[in-house]
PDB file of N, CA and C in Angstrom:
ATOM      1  N   MET A   1       7.078 -68.461 -71.900  1.00  0.00           N
ATOM      2  CA  MET A   1       5.930 -68.141 -72.708  1.00  0.00           C
ATOM      3  C   MET A   1       5.325 -69.452 -73.228  1.00  0.00           C
ATOM      4  N   LYS A   2       4.035 -69.593 -73.109  1.00  0.00           N
ATOM      5  CA  LYS A   2       3.349 -70.803 -73.540  1.00  0.00           C
ATOM      6  C   LYS A   2       3.245 -70.841 -75.064  1.00  0.00           C
ATOM      7  N   SER A   3       3.073 -72.033 -75.583  1.00  0.00           N
ATOM      8  CA  SER A   3       2.993 -72.186 -77.034  1.00  0.00           C
ATOM      9  C   SER A   3       1.771 -71.464 -77.609  1.00  0.00           C
ATOM     10  N   GLU A   4       0.672 -71.408 -76.848  1.00  0.00           N
ATOM     11  CA  GLU A   4      -0.513 -70.691 -77.316  1.00  0.00           C
ATOM     12  C   GLU A   4      -0.229 -69.204 -77.449  1.00  0.00           C
ATOM     13  N   GLU A   5       0.539 -68.657 -76.508  1.00  0.00           N
ATOM     14  CA  GLU A   5       0.903 -67.247 -76.564  1.00  0.00           C
ATOM     15  C   GLU A   5       1.819 -66.966 -77.749  1.00  0.00           C
ATOM     16  N   LYS A   6       2.751 -67.874 -77.994  1.00  0.00           N
ATOM     17  CA  LYS A   6       3.649 -67.724 -79.132  1.00  0.00           C
ATOM     18  C   LYS A   6       2.877 -67.785 -80.438  1.00  0.00           C
ATOM     19  N   LEU A   7       1.933 -68.696 -80.523  1.00  0.00           N
ATOM     20  CA  LEU A   7       1.114 -68.823 -81.723  1.00  0.00           C
ATOM     21  C   LEU A   7       0.300 -67.559 -81.947  1.00  0.00           C
ATOM     22  N   GLU A   8      -0.296 -67.044 -80.892  1.00  0.00           N
ATOM     23  CA  GLU A   8      -1.094 -65.816 -81.005  1.00  0.00           C
ATOM     24  C   GLU A   8      -0.212 -64.637 -81.438  1.00  0.00           C
ATOM     25  N   GLU A   9       0.983 -64.567 -80.906  1.00  0.00           N
ATOM     26  CA  GLU A   9       1.919 -63.509 -81.282  1.00  0.00           C
ATOM     27  C   GLU A   9       2.300 -63.628 -82.762  1.00  0.00           C
ATOM     28  N   LEU A  10       2.504 -64.841 -83.217  1.00  0.00           N
ATOM     29  CA  LEU A  10       2.841 -65.075 -84.616  1.00  0.00           C
ATOM     30  C   LEU A  10       1.682 -64.682 -85.529  1.00  0.00           C
ATOM     31  N   VAL A  11       0.470 -65.030 -85.149  1.00  0.00           N
ATOM     32  CA  VAL A  11      -0.708 -64.670 -85.931  1.00  0.00           C
ATOM     33  C   VAL A  11      -0.849 -63.153 -86.013  1.00  0.00           C
ATOM     34  N   ASP A  12      -0.634 -62.465 -84.905  1.00  0.00           N
ATOM     35  CA  ASP A  12      -0.702 -61.001 -84.896  1.00  0.00           C
ATOM     36  C   ASP A  12       0.369 -60.387 -85.794  1.00  0.00           C
ATOM     37  N   TYR A  13       1.568 -60.952 -85.764  1.00  0.00           N
ATOM     38  CA  TYR A  13       2.662 -60.444 -86.590  1.00  0.00           C
ATOM     39  C   TYR A  13       2.359 -60.645 -88.071  1.00  0.00           C
ATOM     40  N   ILE A  14       1.798 -61.793 -88.424  1.00  0.00           N
ATOM     41  CA  ILE A  14       1.434 -62.048 -89.818  1.00  0.00           C
ATOM     42  C   ILE A  14       0.355 -61.062 -90.274  1.00  0.00           C
ATOM     43  N   ALA A  15      -0.610 -60.788 -89.427  1.00  0.00           N
ATOM     44  CA  ALA A  15      -1.661 -59.816 -89.752  1.00  0.00           C
ATOM     45  C   ALA A  15      -1.055 -58.432 -89.960  1.00  0.00           C
ATOM     46  N   PHE A  16      -0.092 -58.061 -89.128  1.00  0.00           N
ATOM     47  CA  PHE A  16       0.602 -56.784 -89.284  1.00  0.00           C
ATOM     48  C   PHE A  16       1.312 -56.717 -90.625  1.00  0.00           C
ATOM     49  N   LEU A  17       2.044 -57.790 -90.976  1.00  0.00           N
ATOM     50  CA  LEU A  17       2.771 -57.818 -92.250  1.00  0.00           C
ATOM     51  C   LEU A  17       1.825 -57.728 -93.439  1.00  0.00           C
ATOM     52  N   LYS A  18       0.692 -58.421 -93.370  1.00  0.00           N
ATOM     53  CA  LYS A  18      -0.272 -58.369 -94.463  1.00  0.00           C
ATOM     54  C   LYS A  18      -0.801 -56.951 -94.644  1.00  0.00           C
ATOM     55  N   ASP A  19      -1.131 -56.279 -93.553  1.00  0.00           N
ATOM     56  CA  ASP A  19      -1.604 -54.892 -93.636  1.00  0.00           C
ATOM     57  C   ASP A  19      -0.530 -53.982 -94.227  1.00  0.00           C
ATOM     58  N   TYR A  20       0.704 -54.193 -93.794  1.00  0.00           N
ATOM     59  CA  TYR A  20       1.814 -53.387 -94.300  1.00  0.00           C
ATOM     60  C   TYR A  20       1.982 -53.574 -95.812  1.00  0.00           C
ATOM     61  N   TYR A  21       2.024 -54.828 -96.256  1.00  0.00           N
ATOM     62  CA  TYR A  21       2.224 -55.085 -97.686  1.00  0.00           C
ATOM     63  C   TYR A  21       1.040 -54.622 -98.517  1.00  0.00           C
ATOM     64  N   LYS A  22      -0.164 -54.664 -97.972  1.00  0.00           N
ATOM     65  CA  LYS A  22      -1.326 -54.148 -98.704  1.00  0.00           C
ATOM     66  C   LYS A  22      -1.207 -52.641 -98.907  1.00  0.00           C
ATOM     67  N   SER A  23      -0.717 -51.923 -97.909  1.00  0.00           N
ATOM     68  CA  SER A  23      -0.556 -50.478 -98.047  1.00  0.00           C
ATOM     69  C   SER A  23       0.560 -50.152 -99.041  1.00  0.00           C
ATOM     70  N   VAL A  24       1.631 -50.930 -99.015  1.00  0.00           N
ATOM     71  CA  VAL A  24       2.722 -50.729 -99.972  1.00  0.00           C
ATOM     72  C   VAL A  24       2.238 -51.040-101.383  1.00  0.00           C
ATOM     73  N   LEU A  25       1.452 -52.089-101.524  1.00  0.00           N
ATOM     74  CA  LEU A  25       0.929 -52.493-102.825  1.00  0.00           C
ATOM     75  C   LEU A  25       0.064 -51.394-103.423  1.00  0.00           C
ATOM     76  N   SER A  26      -0.715 -50.729-102.604  1.00  0.00           N
ATOM     77  CA  SER A  26      -1.598 -49.682-103.117  1.00  0.00           C
ATOM     78  C   SER A  26      -0.817 -48.478-103.631  1.00  0.00           C
ATOM     79  N   GLU A  27       0.408 -48.293-103.154  1.00  0.00           N
ATOM     80  CA  GLU A  27       1.220 -47.156-103.586  1.00  0.00           C
ATOM     81  C   GLU A  27       2.190 -47.498-104.713  1.00  0.00           C
ATOM     82  N   GLU A  28       2.474 -48.775-104.901  1.00  0.00           N
ATOM     83  CA  GLU A  28       3.467 -49.196-105.891  1.00  0.00           C
ATOM     84  C   GLU A  28       2.866 -49.186-107.295  1.00  0.00           C
ATOM     85  N   LYS A  29       3.638 -48.655-108.254  1.00  0.00           N
ATOM     86  CA  LYS A  29       3.147 -48.556-109.608  1.00  0.00           C
ATOM     87  C   LYS A  29       3.843 -49.522-110.567  1.00  0.00           C
ATOM     88  N   ALA A  30       5.037 -49.976-110.255  1.00  0.00           N
ATOM     89  CA  ALA A  30       5.779 -50.868-111.142  1.00  0.00           C
ATOM     90  C   ALA A  30       5.211 -52.289-111.060  1.00  0.00           C
ATOM     91  N   ASP A  31       4.932 -52.871-112.210  1.00  0.00           N
ATOM     92  CA  ASP A  31       4.337 -54.204-112.261  1.00  0.00           C
ATOM     93  C   ASP A  31       5.213 -55.257-111.598  1.00  0.00           C
ATOM     94  N   TYR A  32       6.526 -55.163-111.784  1.00  0.00           N
ATOM     95  CA  TYR A  32       7.436 -56.150-111.198  1.00  0.00           C
ATOM     96  C   TYR A  32       7.305 -56.165-109.678  1.00  0.00           C
ATOM     97  N   TYR A  33       7.334 -54.992-109.075  1.00  0.00           N
ATOM     98  CA  TYR A  33       7.252 -54.917-107.614  1.00  0.00           C
ATOM     99  C   TYR A  33       5.860 -55.290-107.106  1.00  0.00           C
ATOM    100  N   ARG A  34       4.833 -54.962-107.877  1.00  0.00           N
ATOM    101  CA  ARG A  34       3.470 -55.344-107.489  1.00  0.00           C
ATOM    102  C   ARG A  34       3.354 -56.871-107.454  1.00  0.00           C
ATOM    103  N   ALA A  35       3.923 -57.538-108.464  1.00  0.00           N
ATOM    104  CA  ALA A  35       3.885 -59.004-108.493  1.00  0.00           C
ATOM    105  C   ALA A  35       4.666 -59.580-107.319  1.00  0.00           C
ATOM    106  N   PHE A  36       5.799 -58.991-107.003  1.00  0.00           N
ATOM    107  CA  PHE A  36       6.619 -59.434-105.876  1.00  0.00           C
ATOM    108  C   PHE A  36       5.846 -59.307-104.565  1.00  0.00           C
ATOM    109  N   ILE A  37       5.182 -58.182-104.367  1.00  0.00           N
ATOM    110  CA  ILE A  37       4.418 -57.942-103.140  1.00  0.00           C
ATOM    111  C   ILE A  37       3.213 -58.877-103.076  1.00  0.00           C
ATOM    112  N   LYS A  38       2.554 -59.109-104.216  1.00  0.00           N
ATOM    113  CA  LYS A  38       1.423 -60.038-104.228  1.00  0.00           C
ATOM    114  C   LYS A  38       1.879 -61.442-103.852  1.00  0.00           C
ATOM    115  N   GLY A  39       3.074 -61.816-104.282  1.00  0.00           N
ATOM    116  CA  GLY A  39       3.627 -63.108-103.907  1.00  0.00           C
ATOM    117  C   GLY A  39       3.841 -63.215-102.407  1.00  0.00           C
ATOM    118  N   LYS A  40       4.352 -62.146-101.805  1.00  0.00           N
ATOM    119  CA  LYS A  40       4.540 -62.135-100.351  1.00  0.00           C
ATOM    120  C   LYS A  40       3.202 -62.257 -99.628  1.00  0.00           C
ATOM    121  N   LEU A  41       2.190 -61.553-100.131  1.00  0.00           N
ATOM    122  CA  LEU A  41       0.866 -61.632 -99.516  1.00  0.00           C
ATOM    123  C   LEU A  41       0.295 -63.045 -99.627  1.00  0.00           C
ATOM    124  N   LYS A  42       0.514 -63.699-100.742  1.00  0.00           N
ATOM    125  CA  LYS A  42       0.036 -65.076-100.933  1.00  0.00           C
ATOM    126  C   LYS A  42       0.694 -66.014 -99.924  1.00  0.00           C
ATOM    127  N   VAL A  43       1.988 -65.855 -99.735  1.00  0.00           N
ATOM    128  CA  VAL A  43       2.705 -66.688 -98.763  1.00  0.00           C
ATOM    129  C   VAL A  43       2.162 -66.446 -97.352  1.00  0.00           C
ATOM    130  N   LEU A  44       1.957 -65.197 -97.000  1.00  0.00           N
ATOM    131  CA  LEU A  44       1.428 -64.880 -95.671  1.00  0.00           C
ATOM    132  C   LEU A  44       0.021 -65.454 -95.485  1.00  0.00           C
ATOM    133  N   ASP A  45      -0.806 -65.411 -96.546  1.00  0.00           N
ATOM    134  CA  ASP A  45      -2.139 -66.013 -96.464  1.00  0.00           C
ATOM    135  C   ASP A  45      -2.044 -67.517 -96.242  1.00  0.00           C
ATOM    136  N   ASP A  46      -1.135 -68.158 -96.975  1.00  0.00           N
ATOM    137  CA  ASP A  46      -0.960 -69.605 -96.821  1.00  0.00           C
ATOM    138  C   ASP A  46      -0.508 -69.968 -95.404  1.00  0.00           C
ATOM    139  N   ILE A  47       0.433 -69.211 -94.873  1.00  0.00           N
ATOM    140  CA  ILE A  47       0.902 -69.460 -93.508  1.00  0.00           C
ATOM    141  C   ILE A  47      -0.233 -69.265 -92.515  1.00  0.00           C
ATOM    142  N   GLY A  48      -1.004 -68.202 -92.708  1.00  0.00           N
ATOM    143  CA  GLY A  48      -2.137 -67.941 -91.823  1.00  0.00           C
ATOM    144  C   GLY A  48      -3.154 -69.067 -91.833  1.00  0.00           C
ATOM    145  N   MET A  49      -3.443 -69.597 -93.029  1.00  0.00           N
ATOM    146  CA  MET A  49      -4.405 -70.699 -93.129  1.00  0.00           C
ATOM    147  C   MET A  49      -3.873 -71.952 -92.442  1.00  0.00           C
ATOM    148  N   ARG A  50      -2.589 -72.230 -92.587  1.00  0.00           N
ATOM    149  CA  ARG A  50      -2.009 -73.405 -91.929  1.00  0.00           C
ATOM    150  C   ARG A  50      -2.034 -73.258 -90.408  1.00  0.00           C
ATOM    151  N   LEU A  51      -1.790 -72.049 -89.937  1.00  0.00           N
ATOM    152  CA  LEU A  51      -1.843 -71.818 -88.493  1.00  0.00           C
ATOM    153  C   LEU A  51      -3.263 -72.002 -87.968  1.00  0.00           C
ATOM    154  N   GLU A  52      -4.242 -71.521 -88.727  1.00  0.00           N
ATOM    155  CA  GLU A  52      -5.626 -71.685 -88.311  1.00  0.00           C
ATOM    156  C   GLU A  52      -6.004 -73.163 -88.264  1.00  0.00           C
ATOM    157  N   LYS A  53      -5.571 -73.925 -89.270  1.00  0.00           N
ATOM    158  CA  LYS A  53      -5.865 -75.356 -89.289  1.00  0.00           C
ATOM    159  C   LYS A  53      -5.220 -76.071 -88.111  1.00  0.00           C
ATOM    160  N   SER A  54      -3.970 -75.715 -87.813  1.00  0.00           N
ATOM    161  CA  SER A  54      -3.297 -76.371 -86.701  1.00  0.00           C
ATOM    162  C   SER A  54      -3.935 -75.972 -85.373  1.00  0.00           C
ATOM    163  N   ASP A  55      -4.424 -74.757 -85.286  1.00  0.00           N
ATOM    164  CA  ASP A  55      -5.082 -74.297 -84.063  1.00  0.00           C
ATOM    165  C   ASP A  55      -6.408 -75.021 -83.864  1.00  0.00           C
ATOM    166  N   LYS A  56      -7.122 -75.298 -84.943  1.00  0.00           N
ATOM    167  CA  LYS A  56      -8.425 -75.975 -84.841  1.00  0.00           C
ATOM    168  C   LYS A  56      -8.267 -77.442 -84.468  1.00  0.00           C
ATOM    169  N   THR A  57      -7.149 -78.044 -84.844  1.00  0.00           N
ATOM    170  CA  THR A  57      -6.968 -79.462 -84.550  1.00  0.00           C
ATOM    171  C   THR A  57      -6.563 -79.711 -83.112  1.00  0.00           C
ATOM    172  N   LYS A  58      -6.188 -78.679 -82.392  1.00  0.00           N
ATOM    173  CA  LYS A  58      -5.764 -78.855 -80.995  1.00  0.00           C
ATOM    174  C   LYS A  58      -6.942 -78.888 -80.061  1.00  0.00           C
TER     175      LYS A  58
END
């Protein structure tokens, strides 16, 4: 598998995780868990932005 294919697969997986956590966040009522899920979403956004930057530099 080429590195471009691996990168694309990783980007798709991150998008899947973000969608999943957004749906969980909409159903969660406890503030502690909402903050935890928001933290996960922030990390996934940061990873996504770094991947986009690395993809643009190639």
